[in-house]
């Protein structure tokens, strides 16, 4: 008997690096400032064996391609102002996440799959505000579950009016799970569907068609089928003409150069990831820039994907995703940096001073997304501010994304590196907001809003350990007598705790302050979905998810918990 799909999800290396030559599920036709994005899923192109991706259903492999497309749309095609997401198949837009894949996947894979799909939806949803790229969902045929979640994350939904086209969130009646990729939250918070109508919509299998879908605010437009295709292209041209998006000549995002060692360690040009499986931790070391920043925005564009902060963002992003999906038992991620903090600040300053340049803006927006990905990563996070480190500007954000930070104080015997400092930049005061729409400093000092203003006065000032600790920028500072023991005690303590308790505690403590649609998706909808994914009504032998397609309905334990 061969390995189960649960085993396969653990043992198969999942690679997030791809490019258009490798796509099996999507294609893009470019027409000036409009891009037509077609979902045309290869039924036999699943990431694992044991299921077919029928009816444009998707698994993680399909979403890895979509994420890559969205990223390349921003960097390689800045001329695009409108993206039309549509189906490449007849009579179906998208049937959502593949049910057999979900039924056979390990719980951890389901959770990480949903988290990644949420991040992808958030990325193209924010493309209009961040980059001036507006996404239209052109829905012909059935648009159910995760298919409607694809559509509802777009900025405008157009539905054709015929007997086969509908929008639906049938997860509750069909599968005993939730529309967990933002569906419930976007229905209420984004579409602002009335609560009782939302209750009806999320309780029926057949979905809603035509005029009712528009009346209930589930879509923006309902178009007669005979005029649908022409109207979609007309609307795309209208939106493009009204766009004030900055454009330019795109750059090419080459393959991220990565080497995986025999022990699973990762080596990039600017990031090193060392694994300690016995102690269940990974150390991520970021290298500072070696050269001067480009002279101006034109020179930045000339560097393409080799510019320091873009290259670093891509490598760090890939490392985080790799650890999430391929190294589930490494519960502690340790962030280190080595380099010249002034050089980091100089590279960031070029971007901040040229935010009206399309590429500078895209790199800054990408850093916002990478830092958000770290925020919601379900591992204990710690930063070590050692001598010779470069926690400055955008890299200082890591200090306030982690759960704790430790800083070397005074000189260490035999260590000739520059004394550890932390340096804030203008970017730390608004350029990289969290999912709660606050900066990490505002979130850190939620009860001391005046302190953030005081910190801003220290922008550009290298703060050594005593000053950084007094300012609240690091958790602890230790000299060379206590450093190694205190770090060891912390790491041993962390490794002794329940991973489940750690995930729950950290997720609750990281997001103080106001709720937003984004925090509700990750903090409420996802948490409930992950609980349901462990319950027998969904995943038990007689649960709805397991029985789907058998002709027999799920058998439920009717106790309310």
Foldseek 3Di string as FASTA:
>chain_A
DDDFVQVVLAPPQDALWDDPVPDQFWDWDDDFQEIEIEGRHAQPPAPDPDGGQPLSADFLVNVSVLLVVLLCCQFQPLRHQEYEYAYPDAQGGHAYHDLRSLLRHDLLRVLLRLVSLLLSLQSQLCCCVQFNYFYEYQWGHEQEQRSLVSHLSGPAYEWEADDGTFYAHACCVQFVFGSQSLVLLCLCAVLVFDPVVSVVRNHDDPHDGDPVCCVRSSHPYYHYPVCRVVVVVVVSVVSSVPTPGDGDRGFDDDTFDWDQDPVRWIDGPFWTWDDDVVLLAIEIEGEFDDDAAQPAPVSVVVCGCVGVLNSRLVVLLSVLSSCSSHPVRNQEYEYFYAADQVRVVRNLVRLVVPCVHSVSSSSLVSLLSSLQSLLLRLHQYEYEQAARGHQEESNLLSLLSHPAYEYEADDAPPDPGHAGWHAYAPCQQQSRPYQQNHRSVCLQPVVCVVLVVVVVVRHPPTHGDVRCVVSVSHPYYDYNVCVVVVVVVVSNVSSPDDSVVSSVVSLVSSDDDDDDSRCCSSPPSSVRSSVSSPDCCRNNCQHSSNCRPVPDHGDDDPDDD
